[in-house]
């Protein structure tokens, strides 16, 4: 599916169908990059100042609200943290991620909302199957994104991952969600 560059960069001409297709294709591409371990392609989807946050649950129904002062499952205030994480995965400096599991990410129920400034807030659901050491594991939950237009597509400015099955009996990493 090809997207016209001018369509994405002109918020006034973006119709709901074009927006849905464009954003869905972008999120599917992100999932594919992780599943195929194309880390450079995955990192290129993030703005240099992108925030990546997996909050923890404060209670049964409340997430923590401040990654600076409360415990999170993962928090990187910029893409540099993700780059470091990828470096550790590539070099084997993450003992908990050796061997790296095979993954299959499913992204569904993509709900984009175009903002007045041309950015796009997005909510979506995810399901990730992992296979490692003869065992299968599953993570599922919700994504919340802030995307900004970039060269006919999008860049991730913020990504918040809400993990619903947070009783985790193994390591949780960027490839897990």
N, C-alpha and C. Protein backbone atom coordinates (compact mmCIF):
# COMPACT_ATOMS: atom_id res chain seq x y z
N UNK A 1 0.85 -1.15 0.00
CA UNK A 1 0.00 0.00 0.00
C UNK A 1 0.90 1.22 0.00
N UNK A 2 0.73 2.08 -0.98
CA UNK A 2 1.57 3.26 -1.07
C UNK A 2 0.81 4.47 -0.59
N UNK A 3 1.53 5.35 0.09
CA UNK A 3 0.91 6.53 0.65
C UNK A 3 1.54 7.76 0.02
N UNK A 4 0.73 8.68 -0.44
CA UNK A 4 1.21 9.91 -1.02
C UNK A 4 1.82 10.78 0.05
N UNK A 5 3.07 11.21 -0.14
CA UNK A 5 3.78 12.03 0.83
C UNK A 5 3.02 13.30 1.15
N UNK A 6 2.48 13.94 0.13
CA UNK A 6 1.75 15.17 0.36
C UNK A 6 0.50 14.94 1.20
N UNK A 7 -0.11 13.79 1.09
CA UNK A 7 -1.30 13.49 1.87
C UNK A 7 -0.98 13.48 3.36
N UNK A 8 0.15 12.85 3.72
CA UNK A 8 0.50 12.77 5.14
C UNK A 8 0.90 14.12 5.71
N UNK A 9 1.54 14.94 4.92
CA UNK A 9 2.06 16.18 5.45
C UNK A 9 1.03 17.31 5.40
N UNK A 10 -0.07 17.09 4.77
CA UNK A 10 -1.11 18.10 4.73
C UNK A 10 -2.29 17.61 5.55
N UNK A 11 -2.36 18.03 6.79
CA UNK A 11 -3.40 17.54 7.69
C UNK A 11 -4.79 17.91 7.21
N UNK A 12 -4.89 18.93 6.38
CA UNK A 12 -6.19 19.36 5.90
C UNK A 12 -6.77 18.40 4.86
N UNK A 13 -5.92 17.63 4.17
CA UNK A 13 -6.42 16.75 3.12
C UNK A 13 -6.46 15.29 3.56
N UNK A 14 -6.03 14.97 4.76
CA UNK A 14 -6.01 13.58 5.25
C UNK A 14 -7.41 13.16 5.62
N UNK A 15 -7.95 12.19 4.89
CA UNK A 15 -9.27 11.70 5.28
C UNK A 15 -9.10 10.53 6.24
N UNK A 16 -10.18 10.11 6.85
CA UNK A 16 -10.14 9.08 7.88
C UNK A 16 -9.59 7.75 7.36
N UNK A 17 -9.94 7.39 6.14
CA UNK A 17 -9.47 6.12 5.57
C UNK A 17 -7.97 6.17 5.32
N UNK A 18 -7.48 7.27 4.74
CA UNK A 18 -6.04 7.42 4.50
C UNK A 18 -5.27 7.38 5.82
N UNK A 19 -5.79 8.07 6.82
CA UNK A 19 -5.14 8.10 8.13
C UNK A 19 -5.09 6.70 8.73
N UNK A 20 -6.20 5.99 8.71
CA UNK A 20 -6.26 4.64 9.25
C UNK A 20 -5.26 3.73 8.56
N UNK A 21 -5.22 3.76 7.23
CA UNK A 21 -4.31 2.91 6.47
C UNK A 21 -2.85 3.27 6.73
N UNK A 22 -2.57 4.55 6.75
CA UNK A 22 -1.20 5.01 6.95
C UNK A 22 -0.66 4.62 8.33
N UNK A 23 -1.44 4.89 9.35
CA UNK A 23 -1.01 4.60 10.72
C UNK A 23 -0.95 3.10 10.95
N UNK A 24 -1.93 2.36 10.49
CA UNK A 24 -1.91 0.90 10.66
C UNK A 24 -0.69 0.30 9.99
N UNK A 25 -0.40 0.71 8.76
CA UNK A 25 0.77 0.18 8.06
C UNK A 25 2.05 0.51 8.81
N UNK A 26 2.13 1.70 9.38
CA UNK A 26 3.31 2.09 10.16
C UNK A 26 3.47 1.19 11.39
N UNK A 27 2.39 0.95 12.13
CA UNK A 27 2.48 0.10 13.32
C UNK A 27 2.80 -1.34 12.96
N UNK A 28 2.26 -1.83 11.86
CA UNK A 28 2.58 -3.19 11.41
C UNK A 28 4.06 -3.28 11.04
N UNK A 29 4.57 -2.24 10.39
CA UNK A 29 6.00 -2.22 10.03
C UNK A 29 6.87 -2.26 11.29
N UNK A 30 6.48 -1.51 12.32
CA UNK A 30 7.24 -1.53 13.57
C UNK A 30 7.29 -2.95 14.14
N UNK A 31 6.14 -3.61 14.20
CA UNK A 31 6.08 -4.97 14.73
C UNK A 31 6.94 -5.93 13.89
N UNK A 32 6.87 -5.77 12.59
CA UNK A 32 7.67 -6.62 11.69
C UNK A 32 9.17 -6.43 11.91
N UNK A 33 9.59 -5.20 12.10
CA UNK A 33 11.01 -4.94 12.36
C UNK A 33 11.49 -5.66 13.61
N UNK A 34 10.69 -5.66 14.66
CA UNK A 34 11.07 -6.35 15.90
C UNK A 34 11.09 -7.86 15.67
N UNK A 35 10.05 -8.39 15.05
CA UNK A 35 9.99 -9.84 14.82
C UNK A 35 11.15 -10.33 13.96
N UNK A 36 11.57 -9.51 13.01
CA UNK A 36 12.67 -9.89 12.13
C UNK A 36 14.03 -9.42 12.63
N UNK A 37 14.05 -8.82 13.81
CA UNK A 37 15.28 -8.33 14.45
C UNK A 37 16.04 -7.36 13.56
N UNK A 38 15.30 -6.55 12.85
CA UNK A 38 15.88 -5.49 12.04
C UNK A 38 15.94 -4.24 12.92
N UNK A 39 16.90 -4.26 13.84
CA UNK A 39 16.98 -3.26 14.89
C UNK A 39 17.23 -1.85 14.36
N UNK A 40 18.08 -1.71 13.34
CA UNK A 40 18.33 -0.37 12.79
C UNK A 40 17.06 0.20 12.17
N UNK A 41 16.32 -0.64 11.44
CA UNK A 41 15.05 -0.19 10.86
C UNK A 41 14.05 0.18 11.95
N UNK A 42 14.03 -0.61 13.02
CA UNK A 42 13.12 -0.33 14.14
C UNK A 42 13.49 1.00 14.80
N UNK A 43 14.76 1.19 15.10
CA UNK A 43 15.18 2.44 15.73
C UNK A 43 14.89 3.65 14.85
N UNK A 44 15.00 3.49 13.54
CA UNK A 44 14.74 4.59 12.61
C UNK A 44 13.29 5.06 12.65
N UNK A 45 12.40 4.27 13.23
CA UNK A 45 11.00 4.66 13.35
C UNK A 45 10.77 5.63 14.51
N UNK A 46 11.79 5.82 15.35
CA UNK A 46 11.67 6.67 16.53
C UNK A 46 12.37 8.01 16.32
N UNK A 47 11.73 9.07 16.74
CA UNK A 47 12.33 10.40 16.79
C UNK A 47 13.49 10.35 17.79
N UNK A 48 14.51 11.17 17.59
CA UNK A 48 15.67 11.18 18.50
C UNK A 48 15.26 11.48 19.94
N UNK A 49 14.20 12.24 20.12
CA UNK A 49 13.72 12.58 21.47
C UNK A 49 12.54 11.73 21.93
N UNK A 50 12.34 10.60 21.27
CA UNK A 50 11.18 9.76 21.58
C UNK A 50 11.24 9.21 22.99
N UNK A 51 10.12 9.27 23.66
CA UNK A 51 9.97 8.69 24.99
C UNK A 51 9.35 7.30 24.84
N UNK A 52 9.93 6.32 25.53
CA UNK A 52 9.44 4.93 25.50
C UNK A 52 9.17 4.54 26.94
N UNK A 53 7.91 4.21 27.25
CA UNK A 53 7.54 3.99 28.65
C UNK A 53 6.62 2.79 28.78
N UNK A 54 6.98 1.90 29.69
CA UNK A 54 6.12 0.80 30.09
C UNK A 54 5.85 1.00 31.59
N UNK A 55 4.73 1.62 31.94
CA UNK A 55 4.45 1.87 33.35
C UNK A 55 4.08 0.57 34.08
N UNK A 56 4.30 0.59 35.37
CA UNK A 56 3.86 -0.54 36.19
C UNK A 56 2.48 -0.21 36.77
N UNK A 57 1.88 -1.20 37.33
CA UNK A 57 0.57 -1.00 37.95
C UNK A 57 0.77 -0.60 39.41
N UNK A 58 0.13 0.50 39.81
CA UNK A 58 0.20 0.97 41.19
C UNK A 58 -0.80 0.21 42.06
N UNK A 59 -1.91 -0.16 41.46
CA UNK A 59 -2.93 -0.96 42.13
C UNK A 59 -3.60 -1.80 41.04
N UNK A 60 -4.63 -2.50 41.38
CA UNK A 60 -5.30 -3.35 40.40
C UNK A 60 -5.85 -2.57 39.21
N UNK A 61 -6.19 -1.30 39.43
CA UNK A 61 -6.84 -0.52 38.38
C UNK A 61 -6.11 0.78 38.02
N UNK A 62 -4.99 1.06 38.65
CA UNK A 62 -4.28 2.32 38.42
C UNK A 62 -2.83 2.07 38.04
N UNK A 63 -2.43 2.72 36.95
CA UNK A 63 -1.03 2.70 36.55
C UNK A 63 -0.27 3.81 37.26
N UNK A 64 1.03 3.66 37.40
CA UNK A 64 1.82 4.78 37.90
C UNK A 64 1.70 5.91 36.88
N UNK A 65 1.87 7.13 37.32
CA UNK A 65 1.63 8.26 36.42
C UNK A 65 2.87 9.07 36.10
N UNK A 66 3.97 8.80 36.81
CA UNK A 66 5.16 9.61 36.59
C UNK A 66 6.40 8.71 36.49
N UNK A 67 6.95 8.54 35.30
CA UNK A 67 8.12 7.66 35.15
C UNK A 67 9.37 8.22 35.82
N UNK A 68 9.37 9.50 36.14
CA UNK A 68 10.53 10.12 36.79
C UNK A 68 10.59 9.81 38.29
N UNK A 69 9.43 9.58 38.90
CA UNK A 69 9.43 9.42 40.36
C UNK A 69 8.80 8.11 40.84
N UNK A 70 8.26 7.29 39.93
CA UNK A 70 7.63 6.04 40.32
C UNK A 70 8.26 4.89 39.53
N UNK A 71 8.14 3.70 40.06
CA UNK A 71 8.74 2.53 39.43
C UNK A 71 7.97 2.17 38.16
N UNK A 72 8.72 1.98 37.08
CA UNK A 72 8.16 1.55 35.81
C UNK A 72 8.78 0.22 35.43
N UNK A 73 8.12 -0.52 34.55
CA UNK A 73 8.72 -1.74 34.02
C UNK A 73 9.88 -1.40 33.10
N UNK A 74 9.76 -0.26 32.39
CA UNK A 74 10.83 0.22 31.53
C UNK A 74 10.56 1.69 31.23
N UNK A 75 11.63 2.49 31.19
CA UNK A 75 11.48 3.89 30.81
C UNK A 75 12.76 4.39 30.17
N UNK A 76 12.61 4.95 28.98
CA UNK A 76 13.71 5.62 28.30
C UNK A 76 13.20 6.99 27.87
N UNK A 77 13.84 8.06 28.33
CA UNK A 77 13.37 9.41 27.99
C UNK A 77 13.71 9.83 26.56
N UNK A 78 14.57 9.07 25.88
CA UNK A 78 14.91 9.38 24.49
C UNK A 78 15.31 8.09 23.76
N UNK A 79 15.47 8.20 22.46
CA UNK A 79 15.86 7.04 21.65
C UNK A 79 17.23 6.49 22.07
N UNK A 80 18.07 7.30 22.68
CA UNK A 80 19.39 6.84 23.10
C UNK A 80 19.29 5.62 24.02
N UNK A 81 18.28 5.58 24.87
CA UNK A 81 18.09 4.41 25.74
C UNK A 81 17.75 3.17 24.95
N UNK A 82 16.92 3.32 23.92
CA UNK A 82 16.58 2.19 23.06
C UNK A 82 17.81 1.73 22.27
N UNK A 83 18.63 2.69 21.83
CA UNK A 83 19.85 2.35 21.11
C UNK A 83 20.79 1.53 22.00
N UNK A 84 20.90 1.92 23.26
CA UNK A 84 21.72 1.16 24.21
C UNK A 84 21.17 -0.24 24.41
N UNK A 85 19.86 -0.35 24.51
CA UNK A 85 19.23 -1.67 24.69
C UNK A 85 19.52 -2.56 23.48
N UNK A 86 19.39 -2.02 22.29
CA UNK A 86 19.68 -2.77 21.07
C UNK A 86 21.15 -3.19 21.04
N UNK A 87 22.05 -2.30 21.44
CA UNK A 87 23.47 -2.63 21.49
C UNK A 87 23.70 -3.84 22.40
N UNK A 88 23.05 -3.86 23.55
CA UNK A 88 23.21 -4.99 24.48
C UNK A 88 22.66 -6.29 23.89
N UNK A 89 21.56 -6.20 23.18
CA UNK A 89 21.00 -7.39 22.54
C UNK A 89 21.93 -7.92 21.45
N UNK A 90 22.46 -7.02 20.65
CA UNK A 90 23.34 -7.42 19.54
C UNK A 90 24.66 -8.01 20.01
N UNK A 91 25.19 -7.50 21.10
CA UNK A 91 26.52 -7.92 21.55
C UNK A 91 26.48 -9.04 22.58
N UNK A 92 25.29 -9.49 22.94
CA UNK A 92 25.19 -10.55 23.94
C UNK A 92 25.41 -10.06 25.35
N UNK A 93 25.38 -8.75 25.57
CA UNK A 93 25.58 -8.18 26.91
C UNK A 93 24.30 -8.16 27.73
N UNK A 94 23.30 -8.85 27.25
CA UNK A 94 22.07 -9.01 28.00
C UNK A 94 21.88 -10.50 28.25
N UNK A 95 22.44 -10.96 29.35
CA UNK A 95 22.39 -12.39 29.67
C UNK A 95 20.95 -12.90 29.76
N UNK A 96 20.06 -12.04 30.24
CA UNK A 96 18.66 -12.45 30.38
C UNK A 96 17.98 -12.62 29.02
N UNK A 97 18.56 -12.06 27.97
CA UNK A 97 17.98 -12.14 26.63
C UNK A 97 18.76 -13.08 25.72
N UNK A 98 19.49 -14.01 26.32
CA UNK A 98 20.27 -14.98 25.54
C UNK A 98 19.77 -16.38 25.88
N UNK A 99 19.28 -17.12 24.92
CA UNK A 99 19.12 -16.72 23.53
C UNK A 99 17.92 -15.79 23.36
N UNK A 100 18.00 -14.98 22.32
CA UNK A 100 16.91 -14.07 22.01
C UNK A 100 15.71 -14.89 21.53
N UNK A 101 14.52 -14.67 22.08
CA UNK A 101 13.38 -15.49 21.67
C UNK A 101 12.91 -15.15 20.26
N UNK A 102 12.24 -16.10 19.65
CA UNK A 102 11.50 -15.82 18.42
C UNK A 102 10.20 -15.17 18.84
N UNK A 103 9.79 -14.14 18.11
CA UNK A 103 8.58 -13.41 18.49
C UNK A 103 7.62 -13.26 17.32
N UNK A 104 6.36 -13.09 17.67
CA UNK A 104 5.33 -12.79 16.68
C UNK A 104 4.40 -11.75 17.32
N UNK A 105 4.48 -10.54 16.81
CA UNK A 105 3.66 -9.44 17.31
C UNK A 105 2.41 -9.29 16.46
N UNK A 106 1.27 -9.14 17.12
CA UNK A 106 0.02 -8.84 16.45
C UNK A 106 -0.46 -7.50 16.96
N UNK A 107 -0.74 -6.59 16.05
CA UNK A 107 -1.26 -5.27 16.39
C UNK A 107 -2.67 -5.19 15.83
N UNK A 108 -3.62 -4.75 16.66
CA UNK A 108 -5.01 -4.70 16.21
C UNK A 108 -5.72 -3.50 16.80
N UNK A 109 -6.95 -3.31 16.33
CA UNK A 109 -7.83 -2.26 16.84
C UNK A 109 -7.11 -0.91 16.88
N UNK A 110 -6.47 -0.56 15.77
CA UNK A 110 -5.72 0.69 15.66
C UNK A 110 -6.71 1.85 15.55
N UNK A 111 -6.56 2.83 16.46
CA UNK A 111 -7.48 3.95 16.54
C UNK A 111 -6.70 5.27 16.50
N UNK A 112 -6.46 5.82 15.30
CA UNK A 112 -5.70 7.08 15.19
C UNK A 112 -6.61 8.31 15.28
N UNK A 113 -6.09 9.37 15.85
CA UNK A 113 -6.79 10.65 15.90
C UNK A 113 -5.79 11.72 15.48
N UNK A 114 -6.05 12.37 14.36
CA UNK A 114 -5.18 13.43 13.86
C UNK A 114 -5.35 14.67 14.73
N UNK A 115 -4.23 15.25 15.14
CA UNK A 115 -4.25 16.44 15.98
C UNK A 115 -4.14 17.69 15.10
N UNK A 116 -4.49 18.85 15.63
CA UNK A 116 -4.47 20.11 14.88
C UNK A 116 -3.07 20.45 14.37
N UNK A 117 -2.03 20.02 15.07
CA UNK A 117 -0.66 20.34 14.66
C UNK A 117 -0.10 19.34 13.64
N UNK A 118 -0.92 18.38 13.20
CA UNK A 118 -0.48 17.39 12.22
C UNK A 118 0.04 16.11 12.84
N UNK A 119 0.27 16.10 14.15
CA UNK A 119 0.68 14.87 14.82
C UNK A 119 -0.54 13.96 14.94
N UNK A 120 -0.32 12.75 15.38
CA UNK A 120 -1.41 11.79 15.47
C UNK A 120 -1.29 11.02 16.78
N UNK A 121 -2.34 11.04 17.57
CA UNK A 121 -2.37 10.19 18.76
C UNK A 121 -3.05 8.89 18.35
N UNK A 122 -2.50 7.80 18.84
CA UNK A 122 -2.98 6.48 18.42
C UNK A 122 -3.11 5.57 19.63
N UNK A 123 -4.18 4.81 19.64
CA UNK A 123 -4.34 3.71 20.59
C UNK A 123 -4.47 2.44 19.78
N UNK A 124 -3.89 1.36 20.27
CA UNK A 124 -3.97 0.07 19.59
C UNK A 124 -3.82 -1.03 20.64
N UNK A 125 -4.19 -2.22 20.25
CA UNK A 125 -4.00 -3.39 21.11
C UNK A 125 -2.84 -4.21 20.57
N UNK A 126 -2.19 -4.98 21.44
CA UNK A 126 -1.11 -5.85 20.98
C UNK A 126 -1.18 -7.20 21.67
N UNK A 127 -0.60 -8.16 21.00
CA UNK A 127 -0.43 -9.52 21.51
C UNK A 127 0.93 -9.98 20.99
N UNK A 128 1.78 -10.43 21.88
CA UNK A 128 3.11 -10.90 21.48
C UNK A 128 3.31 -12.32 21.98
N UNK A 129 3.61 -13.22 21.04
CA UNK A 129 3.98 -14.59 21.36
C UNK A 129 5.50 -14.66 21.33
N UNK A 130 6.09 -15.27 22.35
CA UNK A 130 7.54 -15.47 22.41
C UNK A 130 7.83 -16.96 22.55
N UNK A 131 8.87 -17.41 21.88
CA UNK A 131 9.29 -18.80 22.01
C UNK A 131 10.79 -18.84 22.27
N UNK A 132 11.17 -19.45 23.40
CA UNK A 132 12.57 -19.57 23.78
C UNK A 132 12.73 -20.76 24.72
N UNK A 133 13.80 -21.51 24.51
CA UNK A 133 14.11 -22.64 25.39
C UNK A 133 12.93 -23.60 25.53
N UNK A 134 12.31 -23.94 24.42
CA UNK A 134 11.20 -24.89 24.38
C UNK A 134 9.97 -24.44 25.16
N UNK A 135 9.84 -23.15 25.39
CA UNK A 135 8.68 -22.64 26.11
C UNK A 135 8.07 -21.46 25.36
N UNK A 136 6.75 -21.35 25.43
CA UNK A 136 6.04 -20.25 24.82
C UNK A 136 5.52 -19.33 25.91
N UNK A 137 5.60 -18.05 25.65
CA UNK A 137 5.11 -17.04 26.58
C UNK A 137 4.29 -16.03 25.81
N UNK A 138 3.42 -15.34 26.50
CA UNK A 138 2.51 -14.41 25.87
C UNK A 138 2.44 -13.12 26.68
N UNK A 139 2.51 -11.99 25.97
CA UNK A 139 2.26 -10.69 26.58
C UNK A 139 1.17 -10.01 25.77
N UNK A 140 0.30 -9.26 26.45
CA UNK A 140 -0.76 -8.55 25.73
C UNK A 140 -1.10 -7.27 26.48
N UNK A 141 -1.69 -6.35 25.74
CA UNK A 141 -2.07 -5.08 26.34
C UNK A 141 -2.42 -4.03 25.31
N UNK A 142 -2.11 -2.79 25.65
CA UNK A 142 -2.47 -1.63 24.83
C UNK A 142 -1.23 -0.78 24.53
N UNK A 143 -1.22 -0.22 23.35
CA UNK A 143 -0.22 0.77 22.97
C UNK A 143 -0.89 2.14 22.94
N UNK A 144 -0.13 3.15 23.33
CA UNK A 144 -0.52 4.54 23.13
C UNK A 144 0.68 5.23 22.49
N UNK A 145 0.45 5.85 21.34
CA UNK A 145 1.51 6.51 20.59
C UNK A 145 1.21 7.99 20.39
N UNK A 146 2.27 8.75 20.22
CA UNK A 146 2.19 10.07 19.62
C UNK A 146 3.12 10.00 18.42
N UNK A 147 2.55 10.12 17.23
CA UNK A 147 3.31 10.06 15.99
C UNK A 147 3.40 11.46 15.39
N UNK A 148 4.55 11.74 14.75
CA UNK A 148 4.71 12.99 14.03
C UNK A 148 4.98 12.68 12.56
N UNK A 149 4.46 13.51 11.64
CA UNK A 149 4.69 13.27 10.22
C UNK A 149 6.18 13.39 9.90
N UNK A 150 6.64 12.50 9.01
CA UNK A 150 8.05 12.53 8.61
C UNK A 150 8.22 11.87 7.25
N UNK A 151 8.63 12.64 6.27
CA UNK A 151 8.97 12.15 4.94
C UNK A 151 7.93 11.17 4.37
N UNK A 152 6.69 11.55 4.43
CA UNK A 152 5.62 10.73 3.87
C UNK A 152 5.15 9.60 4.75
N UNK A 153 5.68 9.49 5.93
CA UNK A 153 5.25 8.47 6.88
C UNK A 153 5.17 9.11 8.26
N UNK A 154 5.60 8.39 9.25
CA UNK A 154 5.51 8.86 10.63
C UNK A 154 6.80 8.55 11.39
N UNK A 155 7.00 9.25 12.48
CA UNK A 155 8.02 8.92 13.48
C UNK A 155 7.32 8.82 14.83
N UNK A 156 7.83 7.94 15.67
CA UNK A 156 7.28 7.79 17.01
C UNK A 156 7.90 8.84 17.92
N UNK A 157 7.08 9.69 18.48
CA UNK A 157 7.52 10.72 19.43
C UNK A 157 7.36 10.22 20.86
N UNK A 158 6.30 9.43 21.08
CA UNK A 158 6.07 8.81 22.39
C UNK A 158 5.43 7.45 22.16
N UNK A 159 5.87 6.50 22.96
CA UNK A 159 5.22 5.19 22.95
C UNK A 159 5.07 4.74 24.39
N UNK A 160 3.83 4.48 24.75
CA UNK A 160 3.50 3.97 26.08
C UNK A 160 2.90 2.59 25.88
N UNK A 161 3.43 1.62 26.59
CA UNK A 161 2.99 0.23 26.48
C UNK A 161 2.36 -0.16 27.80
N UNK A 162 1.09 -0.49 27.78
CA UNK A 162 0.40 -0.93 28.99
C UNK A 162 0.27 -2.44 28.91
N UNK A 163 1.04 -3.12 29.75
CA UNK A 163 1.05 -4.58 29.78
C UNK A 163 -0.03 -5.03 30.74
N UNK A 164 -1.03 -5.75 30.23
CA UNK A 164 -2.14 -6.18 31.08
C UNK A 164 -1.82 -7.41 31.90
N UNK A 165 -1.00 -8.32 31.37
CA UNK A 165 -0.61 -9.51 32.15
C UNK A 165 0.79 -9.25 32.72
N UNK A 166 0.82 -8.45 33.76
CA UNK A 166 2.09 -7.96 34.30
C UNK A 166 2.68 -8.83 35.41
N UNK A 167 2.14 -10.00 35.66
CA UNK A 167 2.80 -10.94 36.57
C UNK A 167 3.80 -11.72 35.70
N UNK A 168 5.00 -11.18 35.64
CA UNK A 168 5.99 -11.63 34.67
C UNK A 168 6.96 -12.59 35.32
N UNK A 169 7.01 -13.81 34.78
CA UNK A 169 7.89 -14.82 35.37
C UNK A 169 9.24 -14.90 34.68
N UNK A 170 9.50 -13.96 33.77
CA UNK A 170 10.77 -13.94 33.07
C UNK A 170 11.09 -12.49 32.73
N UNK A 171 12.13 -12.28 31.98
CA UNK A 171 12.54 -10.93 31.62
C UNK A 171 11.53 -10.30 30.65
N UNK A 172 11.28 -9.03 30.83
CA UNK A 172 10.47 -8.26 29.89
C UNK A 172 11.43 -7.30 29.19
N UNK A 173 11.41 -7.31 27.86
CA UNK A 173 12.34 -6.47 27.12
C UNK A 173 11.61 -5.83 25.94
N UNK A 174 12.32 -5.03 25.17
CA UNK A 174 11.70 -4.31 24.06
C UNK A 174 11.05 -5.24 23.05
N UNK A 175 11.57 -6.45 22.88
CA UNK A 175 11.00 -7.40 21.93
C UNK A 175 9.78 -8.12 22.50
N UNK A 176 9.55 -8.01 23.80
CA UNK A 176 8.44 -8.72 24.46
C UNK A 176 7.09 -8.07 24.22
N UNK A 177 7.12 -6.80 23.92
CA UNK A 177 5.87 -6.04 23.78
C UNK A 177 5.87 -5.38 22.44
